[in-house]
């Protein structure tokens, strides 16, 4: 008794899934912090769960967000506006200006 059509189709589906997840993991792993080998192993060992874990890892090109510190000119402009609006005195402005420029 040999393999029938339904059995062959099921075997082909299982084979495709067994090949699909490691390849998918390898390709996506190259873009992420786990690397291609880590992605391949996650896809091969854990299957769809490994792919989900892979997508939860950070991408390589993700840079942490950081604020740029204001330039000296920006700081001086801010204190000049405060002086012009009357929020600070001329003496306070000169003191801050000297501190920024030193």
PDB file of N, CA and C in Angstrom:
ATOM      1  N   UNK A   1       0.853  -1.170   0.000  1.00  0.00           N
ATOM      2  CA  UNK A   1       0.000   0.000   0.000  1.00  0.00           C
ATOM      3  C   UNK A   1       0.900   1.235   0.000  1.00  0.00           C
ATOM      4  N   UNK A   2       0.734   2.121  -0.948  1.00  0.00           N
ATOM      5  CA  UNK A   2       1.574   3.299  -1.078  1.00  0.00           C
ATOM      6  C   UNK A   2       0.893   4.549  -0.551  1.00  0.00           C
ATOM      7  N   UNK A   3       1.588   5.629  -0.764  1.00  0.00           N
ATOM      8  CA  UNK A   3       1.040   6.920  -0.337  1.00  0.00           C
ATOM      9  C   UNK A   3       0.023   7.404  -1.356  1.00  0.00           C
ATOM     10  N   UNK A   4      -1.089   7.866  -0.861  1.00  0.00           N
ATOM     11  CA  UNK A   4      -2.106   8.418  -1.738  1.00  0.00           C
ATOM     12  C   UNK A   4      -1.914   9.916  -1.909  1.00  0.00           C
ATOM     13  N   UNK A   5      -2.748  10.512  -2.708  1.00  0.00           N
ATOM     14  CA  UNK A   5      -2.667  11.946  -2.972  1.00  0.00           C
ATOM     15  C   UNK A   5      -2.826  12.795  -1.714  1.00  0.00           C
ATOM     16  N   UNK A   6      -3.773  12.527  -0.826  1.00  0.00           N
ATOM     17  CA  UNK A   6      -3.895  13.360   0.377  1.00  0.00           C
ATOM     18  C   UNK A   6      -2.647  13.311   1.258  1.00  0.00           C
ATOM     19  N   UNK A   7      -2.055  12.127   1.381  1.00  0.00           N
ATOM     20  CA  UNK A   7      -0.853  12.004   2.204  1.00  0.00           C
ATOM     21  C   UNK A   7       0.313  12.783   1.597  1.00  0.00           C
ATOM     22  N   UNK A   8       0.455  12.706   0.283  1.00  0.00           N
ATOM     23  CA  UNK A   8       1.537  13.428  -0.399  1.00  0.00           C
ATOM     24  C   UNK A   8       1.345  14.936  -0.239  1.00  0.00           C
ATOM     25  N   UNK A   9       0.110  15.397  -0.366  1.00  0.00           N
ATOM     26  CA  UNK A   9      -0.169  16.828  -0.199  1.00  0.00           C
ATOM     27  C   UNK A   9       0.167  17.271   1.218  1.00  0.00           C
ATOM     28  N   UNK A  10      -0.209  16.486   2.206  1.00  0.00           N
ATOM     29  CA  UNK A  10       0.098  16.827   3.605  1.00  0.00           C
ATOM     30  C   UNK A  10       1.605  16.850   3.827  1.00  0.00           C
ATOM     31  N   UNK A  11       2.325  15.874   3.283  1.00  0.00           N
ATOM     32  CA  UNK A  11       3.781  15.849   3.420  1.00  0.00           C
ATOM     33  C   UNK A  11       4.428  17.064   2.752  1.00  0.00           C
ATOM     34  N   UNK A  12       3.928  17.457   1.591  1.00  0.00           N
ATOM     35  CA  UNK A  12       4.457  18.645   0.913  1.00  0.00           C
ATOM     36  C   UNK A  12       4.197  19.910   1.726  1.00  0.00           C
ATOM     37  N   UNK A  13       3.026  20.011   2.328  1.00  0.00           N
ATOM     38  CA  UNK A  13       2.711  21.175   3.166  1.00  0.00           C
ATOM     39  C   UNK A  13       3.640  21.219   4.372  1.00  0.00           C
ATOM     40  N   UNK A  14       3.846  20.078   5.026  1.00  0.00           N
ATOM     41  CA  UNK A  14       4.743  20.024   6.187  1.00  0.00           C
ATOM     42  C   UNK A  14       6.162  20.383   5.768  1.00  0.00           C
ATOM     43  N   UNK A  15       6.615  19.868   4.638  1.00  0.00           N
ATOM     44  CA  UNK A  15       7.957  20.173   4.144  1.00  0.00           C
ATOM     45  C   UNK A  15       8.105  21.658   3.832  1.00  0.00           C
ATOM     46  N   UNK A  16       7.096  22.248   3.196  1.00  0.00           N
ATOM     47  CA  UNK A  16       7.137  23.683   2.879  1.00  0.00           C
ATOM     48  C   UNK A  16       7.185  24.524   4.152  1.00  0.00           C
ATOM     49  N   UNK A  17       6.397  24.135   5.144  1.00  0.00           N
ATOM     50  CA  UNK A  17       6.403  24.876   6.407  1.00  0.00           C
ATOM     51  C   UNK A  17       7.755  24.734   7.086  1.00  0.00           C
ATOM     52  N   UNK A  18       8.327  23.519   7.063  1.00  0.00           N
ATOM     53  CA  UNK A  18       9.613  23.292   7.708  1.00  0.00           C
ATOM     54  C   UNK A  18      10.726  24.084   7.025  1.00  0.00           C
ATOM     55  N   UNK A  19      10.603  24.330   5.739  1.00  0.00           N
ATOM     56  CA  UNK A  19      11.593  25.123   5.003  1.00  0.00           C
ATOM     57  C   UNK A  19      11.269  26.615   5.087  1.00  0.00           C
ATOM     58  N   UNK A  20       9.996  26.962   5.081  1.00  0.00           N
ATOM     59  CA  UNK A  20       9.569  28.359   5.038  1.00  0.00           C
ATOM     60  C   UNK A  20      10.005  29.148   6.273  1.00  0.00           C
ATOM     61  N   UNK A  21       9.750  28.622   7.465  1.00  0.00           N
ATOM     62  CA  UNK A  21      10.043  29.379   8.680  1.00  0.00           C
ATOM     63  C   UNK A  21      11.539  29.647   8.884  1.00  0.00           C
ATOM     64  N   UNK A  22      12.435  28.677   8.654  1.00  0.00           N
ATOM     65  CA  UNK A  22      13.862  29.010   8.778  1.00  0.00           C
ATOM     66  C   UNK A  22      14.334  30.056   7.762  1.00  0.00           C
ATOM     67  N   UNK A  23      13.844  29.970   6.529  1.00  0.00           N
ATOM     68  CA  UNK A  23      14.238  30.963   5.521  1.00  0.00           C
ATOM     69  C   UNK A  23      13.699  32.335   5.901  1.00  0.00           C
ATOM     70  N   UNK A  24      12.452  32.380   6.319  1.00  0.00           N
ATOM     71  CA  UNK A  24      11.832  33.630   6.765  1.00  0.00           C
ATOM     72  C   UNK A  24      12.615  34.199   7.953  1.00  0.00           C
ATOM     73  N   UNK A  25      12.964  33.337   8.903  1.00  0.00           N
ATOM     74  CA  UNK A  25      13.740  33.767  10.065  1.00  0.00           C
ATOM     75  C   UNK A  25      15.111  34.296   9.673  1.00  0.00           C
ATOM     76  N   UNK A  26      15.759  33.633   8.712  1.00  0.00           N
ATOM     77  CA  UNK A  26      17.077  34.074   8.255  1.00  0.00           C
ATOM     78  C   UNK A  26      16.995  35.463   7.628  1.00  0.00           C
ATOM     79  N   UNK A  27      16.018  35.665   6.759  1.00  0.00           N
ATOM     80  CA  UNK A  27      15.878  36.950   6.056  1.00  0.00           C
ATOM     81  C   UNK A  27      15.562  38.073   7.035  1.00  0.00           C
ATOM     82  N   UNK A  28      14.606  37.840   7.926  1.00  0.00           N
ATOM     83  CA  UNK A  28      14.239  38.885   8.889  1.00  0.00           C
ATOM     84  C   UNK A  28      15.297  39.051   9.970  1.00  0.00           C
ATOM     85  N   UNK A  29      16.011  37.987  10.302  1.00  0.00           N
ATOM     86  CA  UNK A  29      17.069  38.063  11.310  1.00  0.00           C
ATOM     87  C   UNK A  29      18.206  38.972  10.885  1.00  0.00           C
ATOM     88  N   UNK A  30      18.464  39.057   9.561  1.00  0.00           N
ATOM     89  CA  UNK A  30      19.515  39.953   9.062  1.00  0.00           C
ATOM     90  C   UNK A  30      19.195  41.404   9.368  1.00  0.00           C
ATOM     91  N   UNK A  31      17.911  41.736   9.441  1.00  0.00           N
ATOM     92  CA  UNK A  31      17.487  43.112   9.675  1.00  0.00           C
ATOM     93  C   UNK A  31      17.370  43.431  11.161  1.00  0.00           C
ATOM     94  N   UNK A  32      17.509  42.430  12.010  1.00  0.00           N
ATOM     95  CA  UNK A  32      17.250  42.617  13.431  1.00  0.00           C
ATOM     96  C   UNK A  32      18.484  42.280  14.255  1.00  0.00           C
ATOM     97  N   UNK A  33      18.401  42.573  15.547  1.00  0.00           N
ATOM     98  CA  UNK A  33      19.560  42.437  16.423  1.00  0.00           C
ATOM     99  C   UNK A  33      19.974  40.987  16.665  1.00  0.00           C
ATOM    100  N   UNK A  34      19.124  40.008  16.394  1.00  0.00           N
ATOM    101  CA  UNK A  34      19.488  38.608  16.636  1.00  0.00           C
ATOM    102  C   UNK A  34      20.411  38.055  15.560  1.00  0.00           C
ATOM    103  N   UNK A  35      20.434  38.660  14.395  1.00  0.00           N
ATOM    104  CA  UNK A  35      21.291  38.209  13.311  1.00  0.00           C
ATOM    105  C   UNK A  35      20.645  37.107  12.490  1.00  0.00           C
ATOM    106  N   UNK A  36      21.246  36.795  11.334  1.00  0.00           N
ATOM    107  CA  UNK A  36      20.633  35.811  10.441  1.00  0.00           C
ATOM    108  C   UNK A  36      20.624  34.390  11.010  1.00  0.00           C
ATOM    109  N   UNK A  37      21.690  33.996  11.700  1.00  0.00           N
ATOM    110  CA  UNK A  37      21.742  32.637  12.252  1.00  0.00           C
ATOM    111  C   UNK A  37      20.731  32.488  13.386  1.00  0.00           C
ATOM    112  N   UNK A  38      20.620  33.515  14.225  1.00  0.00           N
ATOM    113  CA  UNK A  38      19.619  33.483  15.293  1.00  0.00           C
ATOM    114  C   UNK A  38      18.212  33.401  14.738  1.00  0.00           C
ATOM    115  N   UNK A  39      17.934  34.162  13.685  1.00  0.00           N
ATOM    116  CA  UNK A  39      16.624  34.113  13.049  1.00  0.00           C
ATOM    117  C   UNK A  39      16.345  32.764  12.420  1.00  0.00           C
ATOM    118  N   UNK A  40      17.376  32.191  11.791  1.00  0.00           N
ATOM    119  CA  UNK A  40      17.232  30.869  11.188  1.00  0.00           C
ATOM    120  C   UNK A  40      16.907  29.826  12.251  1.00  0.00           C
ATOM    121  N   UNK A  41      17.634  29.867  13.368  1.00  0.00           N
ATOM    122  CA  UNK A  41      17.387  28.900  14.440  1.00  0.00           C
ATOM    123  C   UNK A  41      16.018  29.092  15.077  1.00  0.00           C
ATOM    124  N   UNK A  42      15.636  30.351  15.292  1.00  0.00           N
ATOM    125  CA  UNK A  42      14.302  30.600  15.851  1.00  0.00           C
ATOM    126  C   UNK A  42      13.217  30.056  14.927  1.00  0.00           C
ATOM    127  N   UNK A  43      13.364  30.294  13.635  1.00  0.00           N
ATOM    128  CA  UNK A  43      12.377  29.808  12.679  1.00  0.00           C
ATOM    129  C   UNK A  43      12.360  28.295  12.575  1.00  0.00           C
ATOM    130  N   UNK A  44      13.537  27.664  12.631  1.00  0.00           N
ATOM    131  CA  UNK A  44      13.613  26.212  12.480  1.00  0.00           C
ATOM    132  C   UNK A  44      13.119  25.483  13.723  1.00  0.00           C
ATOM    133  N   UNK A  45      13.481  25.992  14.888  1.00  0.00           N
ATOM    134  CA  UNK A  45      13.147  25.276  16.123  1.00  0.00           C
ATOM    135  C   UNK A  45      11.736  25.589  16.607  1.00  0.00           C
ATOM    136  N   UNK A  46      11.366  26.874  16.588  1.00  0.00           N
ATOM    137  CA  UNK A  46      10.081  27.262  17.167  1.00  0.00           C
ATOM    138  C   UNK A  46       8.990  27.531  16.135  1.00  0.00           C
ATOM    139  N   UNK A  47       9.348  27.592  14.871  1.00  0.00           N
ATOM    140  CA  UNK A  47       8.348  27.814  13.831  1.00  0.00           C
ATOM    141  C   UNK A  47       7.718  29.188  13.919  1.00  0.00           C
ATOM    142  N   UNK A  48       6.389  29.236  13.906  1.00  0.00           N
ATOM    143  CA  UNK A  48       5.676  30.515  13.895  1.00  0.00           C
ATOM    144  C   UNK A  48       5.918  31.289  15.195  1.00  0.00           C
ATOM    145  N   UNK A  49       6.093  30.595  16.305  1.00  0.00           N
ATOM    146  CA  UNK A  49       6.386  31.288  17.569  1.00  0.00           C
ATOM    147  C   UNK A  49       7.754  31.959  17.484  1.00  0.00           C
ATOM    148  N   UNK A  50       8.717  31.296  16.846  1.00  0.00           N
ATOM    149  CA  UNK A  50      10.038  31.887  16.653  1.00  0.00           C
ATOM    150  C   UNK A  50       9.989  33.132  15.788  1.00  0.00           C
ATOM    151  N   UNK A  51       9.142  33.128  14.767  1.00  0.00           N
ATOM    152  CA  UNK A  51       8.993  34.303  13.904  1.00  0.00           C
ATOM    153  C   UNK A  51       8.377  35.450  14.693  1.00  0.00           C
ATOM    154  N   UNK A  52       7.405  35.145  15.538  1.00  0.00           N
ATOM    155  CA  UNK A  52       6.797  36.189  16.379  1.00  0.00           C
ATOM    156  C   UNK A  52       7.844  36.767  17.319  1.00  0.00           C
ATOM    157  N   UNK A  53       8.644  35.904  17.947  1.00  0.00           N
ATOM    158  CA  UNK A  53       9.717  36.379  18.829  1.00  0.00           C
ATOM    159  C   UNK A  53      10.694  37.238  18.041  1.00  0.00           C
ATOM    160  N   UNK A  54      11.009  36.820  16.839  1.00  0.00           N
ATOM    161  CA  UNK A  54      11.938  37.564  15.983  1.00  0.00           C
ATOM    162  C   UNK A  54      11.425  38.969  15.706  1.00  0.00           C
ATOM    163  N   UNK A  55      10.133  39.096  15.428  1.00  0.00           N
ATOM    164  CA  UNK A  55       9.562  40.413  15.153  1.00  0.00           C
ATOM    165  C   UNK A  55       9.486  41.287  16.406  1.00  0.00           C
ATOM    166  N   UNK A  56       9.613  40.700  17.575  1.00  0.00           N
ATOM    167  CA  UNK A  56       9.611  41.485  18.811  1.00  0.00           C
ATOM    168  C   UNK A  56      10.993  42.033  19.151  1.00  0.00           C
ATOM    169  N   UNK A  57      12.033  41.559  18.477  1.00  0.00           N
ATOM    170  CA  UNK A  57      13.384  42.063  18.724  1.00  0.00           C
ATOM    171  C   UNK A  57      13.586  43.382  17.983  1.00  0.00           C
ATOM    172  N   UNK A  58      14.466  44.247  18.502  1.00  0.00           N
ATOM    173  CA  UNK A  58      14.664  45.548  17.848  1.00  0.00           C
ATOM    174  C   UNK A  58      15.400  45.419  16.516  1.00  0.00           C
ATOM    175  N   UNK A  59      15.081  46.318  15.602  1.00  0.00           N
ATOM    176  CA  UNK A  59      15.776  46.366  14.315  1.00  0.00           C
ATOM    177  C   UNK A  59      17.178  46.922  14.526  1.00  0.00           C
ATOM    178  N   UNK A  60      18.078  46.586  13.606  1.00  0.00           N
ATOM    179  CA  UNK A  60      19.451  47.072  13.700  1.00  0.00           C
ATOM    180  C   UNK A  60      19.535  48.581  13.533  1.00  0.00           C
ATOM    181  N   UNK A  61      18.712  49.134  12.645  1.00  0.00           N
ATOM    182  CA  UNK A  61      18.810  50.559  12.352  1.00  0.00           C
ATOM    183  C   UNK A  61      18.020  51.430  13.316  1.00  0.00           C
ATOM    184  N   UNK A  62      17.374  50.842  14.321  1.00  0.00           N
ATOM    185  CA  UNK A  62      16.671  51.651  15.319  1.00  0.00           C
ATOM    186  C   UNK A  62      17.687  52.364  16.200  1.00  0.00           C
ATOM    187  N   UNK A  63      17.664  53.664  16.191  1.00  0.00           N
ATOM    188  CA  UNK A  63      18.553  54.459  17.023  1.00  0.00           C
ATOM    189  C   UNK A  63      17.757  55.026  18.185  1.00  0.00           C
ATOM    190  N   UNK A  64      18.327  54.986  19.382  1.00  0.00           N
ATOM    191  CA  UNK A  64      17.600  55.589  20.502  1.00  0.00           C
ATOM    192  C   UNK A  64      17.437  57.089  20.283  1.00  0.00           C
ATOM    193  N   UNK A  65      16.261  57.583  20.606  1.00  0.00           N
ATOM    194  CA  UNK A  65      15.974  58.996  20.390  1.00  0.00           C
ATOM    195  C   UNK A  65      16.656  59.826  21.463  1.00  0.00           C
ATOM    196  N   UNK A  66      17.308  60.888  21.058  1.00  0.00           N
ATOM    197  CA  UNK A  66      17.936  61.787  22.026  1.00  0.00           C
ATOM    198  C   UNK A  66      17.695  63.227  21.582  1.00  0.00           C
ATOM    199  N   UNK A  67      17.480  64.063  22.555  1.00  0.00           N
ATOM    200  CA  UNK A  67      17.287  65.476  22.273  1.00  0.00           C
ATOM    201  C   UNK A  67      18.641  66.131  22.053  1.00  0.00           C
ATOM    202  N   UNK A  68      18.683  67.040  21.089  1.00  0.00           N
ATOM    203  CA  UNK A  68      19.911  67.790  20.876  1.00  0.00           C
ATOM    204  C   UNK A  68      19.941  68.937  21.866  1.00  0.00           C
ATOM    205  N   UNK A  69      21.119  69.166  22.424  1.00  0.00           N
ATOM    206  CA  UNK A  69      21.221  70.284  23.355  1.00  0.00           C
ATOM    207  C   UNK A  69      21.178  71.588  22.561  1.00  0.00           C
ATOM    208  N   UNK A  70      20.516  72.596  23.103  1.00  0.00           N
ATOM    209  CA  UNK A  70      20.409  73.863  22.373  1.00  0.00           C
ATOM    210  C   UNK A  70      21.784  74.516  22.209  1.00  0.00           C
ATOM    211  N   UNK A  71      21.968  75.187  21.091  1.00  0.00           N
ATOM    212  CA  UNK A  71      23.240  75.856  20.835  1.00  0.00           C
ATOM    213  C   UNK A  71      23.337  77.122  21.683  1.00  0.00           C
ATOM    214  N   UNK A  72      24.540  77.681  21.716  1.00  0.00           N
ATOM    215  CA  UNK A  72      24.748  78.915  22.483  1.00  0.00           C
ATOM    216  C   UNK A  72      23.881  80.043  21.932  1.00  0.00           C
ATOM    217  N   UNK A  73      23.752  80.093  20.610  1.00  0.00           N
ATOM    218  CA  UNK A  73      22.929  81.138  19.995  1.00  0.00           C
ATOM    219  C   UNK A  73      21.465  80.996  20.409  1.00  0.00           C
ATOM    220  N   UNK A  74      20.975  79.754  20.477  1.00  0.00           N
ATOM    221  CA  UNK A  74      19.591  79.527  20.910  1.00  0.00           C
ATOM    222  C   UNK A  74      19.391  79.972  22.351  1.00  0.00           C
ATOM    223  N   UNK A  75      20.363  79.651  23.196  1.00  0.00           N
ATOM    224  CA  UNK A  75      20.269  80.053  24.606  1.00  0.00           C
ATOM    225  C   UNK A  75      20.273  81.582  24.733  1.00  0.00           C
ATOM    226  N   UNK A  76      21.173  82.228  23.996  1.00  0.00           N
ATOM    227  CA  UNK A  76      21.227  83.696  24.054  1.00  0.00           C
ATOM    228  C   UNK A  76      19.924  84.310  23.554  1.00  0.00           C
ATOM    229  N   UNK A  77      19.375  83.757  22.493  1.00  0.00           N
ATOM    230  CA  UNK A  77      18.119  84.268  21.945  1.00  0.00           C
ATOM    231  C   UNK A  77      16.986  84.105  22.960  1.00  0.00           C
ATOM    232  N   UNK A  78      16.970  82.981  23.652  1.00  0.00           N
ATOM    233  CA  UNK A  78      15.938  82.744  24.664  1.00  0.00           C
ATOM    234  C   UNK A  78      16.031  83.788  25.781  1.00  0.00           C
ATOM    235  N   UNK A  79      17.256  84.034  26.269  1.00  0.00           N
ATOM    236  CA  UNK A  79      17.408  85.023  27.342  1.00  0.00           C
ATOM    237  C   UNK A  79      17.134  86.443  26.850  1.00  0.00           C
ATOM    238  N   UNK A  80      17.441  86.729  25.580  1.00  0.00           N
ATOM    239  CA  UNK A  80      17.145  88.047  25.021  1.00  0.00           C
ATOM    240  C   UNK A  80      15.632  88.265  24.965  1.00  0.00           C
ATOM    241  N   UNK A  81      14.894  87.241  24.587  1.00  0.00           N
ATOM    242  CA  UNK A  81      13.432  87.351  24.564  1.00  0.00           C
ATOM    243  C   UNK A  81      12.878  87.554  25.970  1.00  0.00           C
ATOM    244  N   UNK A  82      13.470  86.870  26.945  1.00  0.00           N
ATOM    245  CA  UNK A  82      13.036  87.069  28.336  1.00  0.00           C
ATOM    246  C   UNK A  82      13.325  88.497  28.788  1.00  0.00           C
ATOM    247  N   UNK A  83      14.479  89.026  28.374  1.00  0.00           N
ATOM    248  CA  UNK A  83      14.826  90.408  28.724  1.00  0.00           C
ATOM    249  C   UNK A  83      13.849  91.379  28.067  1.00  0.00           C
ATOM    250  N   UNK A  84      13.570  91.168  26.786  1.00  0.00           N
ATOM    251  CA  UNK A  84      12.662  92.059  26.057  1.00  0.00           C
ATOM    252  C   UNK A  84      11.239  92.018  26.617  1.00  0.00           C
ATOM    253  N   UNK A  85      10.833  90.863  27.116  1.00  0.00           N
ATOM    254  CA  UNK A  85       9.478  90.762  27.671  1.00  0.00           C
ATOM    255  C   UNK A  85       9.408  91.265  29.110  1.00  0.00           C
ATOM    256  N   UNK A  86      10.558  91.537  29.702  1.00  0.00           N
ATOM    257  CA  UNK A  86      10.582  92.053  31.071  1.00  0.00           C
ATOM    258  C   UNK A  86      10.601  90.972  32.133  1.00  0.00           C
ATOM    259  N   UNK A  87      10.781  89.733  31.737  1.00  0.00           N
ATOM    260  CA  UNK A  87      10.790  88.632  32.701  1.00  0.00           C
ATOM    261  C   UNK A  87      12.081  88.600  33.511  1.00  0.00           C
ATOM    262  N   UNK A  88      13.178  89.086  32.924  1.00  0.00           N
ATOM    263  CA  UNK A  88      14.447  89.168  33.656  1.00  0.00           C
ATOM    264  C   UNK A  88      15.015  90.575  33.491  1.00  0.00           C
ATOM    265  N   UNK A  89      15.931  90.922  34.380  1.00  0.00           N
ATOM    266  CA  UNK A  89      16.552  92.253  34.334  1.00  0.00           C
ATOM    267  C   UNK A  89      17.777  92.210  33.428  1.00  0.00           C
ATOM    268  N   UNK A  90      18.288  93.409  33.119  1.00  0.00           N
ATOM    269  CA  UNK A  90      19.499  93.527  32.300  1.00  0.00           C
ATOM    270  C   UNK A  90      20.675  92.839  32.993  1.00  0.00           C
ATOM    271  N   UNK A  91      20.736  92.967  34.301  1.00  0.00           N
ATOM    272  CA  UNK A  91      21.831  92.354  35.068  1.00  0.00           C
ATOM    273  C   UNK A  91      21.782  90.824  34.963  1.00  0.00           C
ATOM    274  N   UNK A  92      20.579  90.258  35.077  1.00  0.00           N
ATOM    275  CA  UNK A  92      20.434  88.803  34.956  1.00  0.00           C
ATOM    276  C   UNK A  92      20.787  88.345  33.534  1.00  0.00           C
ATOM    277  N   UNK A  93      20.390  89.142  32.551  1.00  0.00           N
ATOM    278  CA  UNK A  93      20.702  88.811  31.163  1.00  0.00           C
ATOM    279  C   UNK A  93      22.212  88.794  30.940  1.00  0.00           C
ATOM    280  N   UNK A  94      22.907  89.822  31.428  1.00  0.00           N
ATOM    281  CA  UNK A  94      24.360  89.898  31.250  1.00  0.00           C
ATOM    282  C   UNK A  94      25.060  88.741  31.972  1.00  0.00           C
ATOM    283  N   UNK A  95      24.538  88.371  33.139  1.00  0.00           N
ATOM    284  CA  UNK A  95      25.125  87.268  33.896  1.00  0.00           C
ATOM    285  C   UNK A  95      24.965  85.943  33.121  1.00  0.00           C
ATOM    286  N   UNK A  96      23.788  85.702  32.575  1.00  0.00           N
ATOM    287  CA  UNK A  96      23.548  84.482  31.799  1.00  0.00           C
ATOM    288  C   UNK A  96      24.360  84.482  30.502  1.00  0.00           C
ATOM    289  N   UNK A  97      24.467  85.650  29.884  1.00  0.00           N
ATOM    290  CA  UNK A  97      25.237  85.785  28.645  1.00  0.00           C
ATOM    291  C   UNK A  97      26.703  85.450  28.893  1.00  0.00           C
ATOM    292  N   UNK A  98      27.252  85.964  29.993  1.00  0.00           N
ATOM    293  CA  UNK A  98      28.650  85.675  30.326  1.00  0.00           C
ATOM    294  C   UNK A  98      28.840  84.183  30.611  1.00  0.00           C
ATOM    295  N   UNK A  99      27.864  83.584  31.279  1.00  0.00           N
ATOM    296  CA  UNK A  99      27.957  82.160  31.608  1.00  0.00           C
ATOM    297  C   UNK A  99      27.902  81.306  30.333  1.00  0.00           C
ATOM    298  N   UNK A 100      27.050  81.683  29.395  1.00  0.00           N
ATOM    299  CA  UNK A 100      26.914  80.915  28.155  1.00  0.00           C
ATOM    300  C   UNK A 100      28.156  81.058  27.285  1.00  0.00           C
ATOM    301  N   UNK A 101      28.686  82.252  27.190  1.00  0.00           N
ATOM    302  CA  UNK A 101      29.822  82.501  26.301  1.00  0.00           C
ATOM    303  C   UNK A 101      31.160  82.050  26.879  1.00  0.00           C
ATOM    304  N   UNK A 102      31.200  81.739  28.146  1.00  0.00           N
ATOM    305  CA  UNK A 102      32.485  81.310  28.742  1.00  0.00           C
ATOM    306  C   UNK A 102      32.695  79.823  28.628  1.00  0.00           C
TER     307      UNK A 102
END
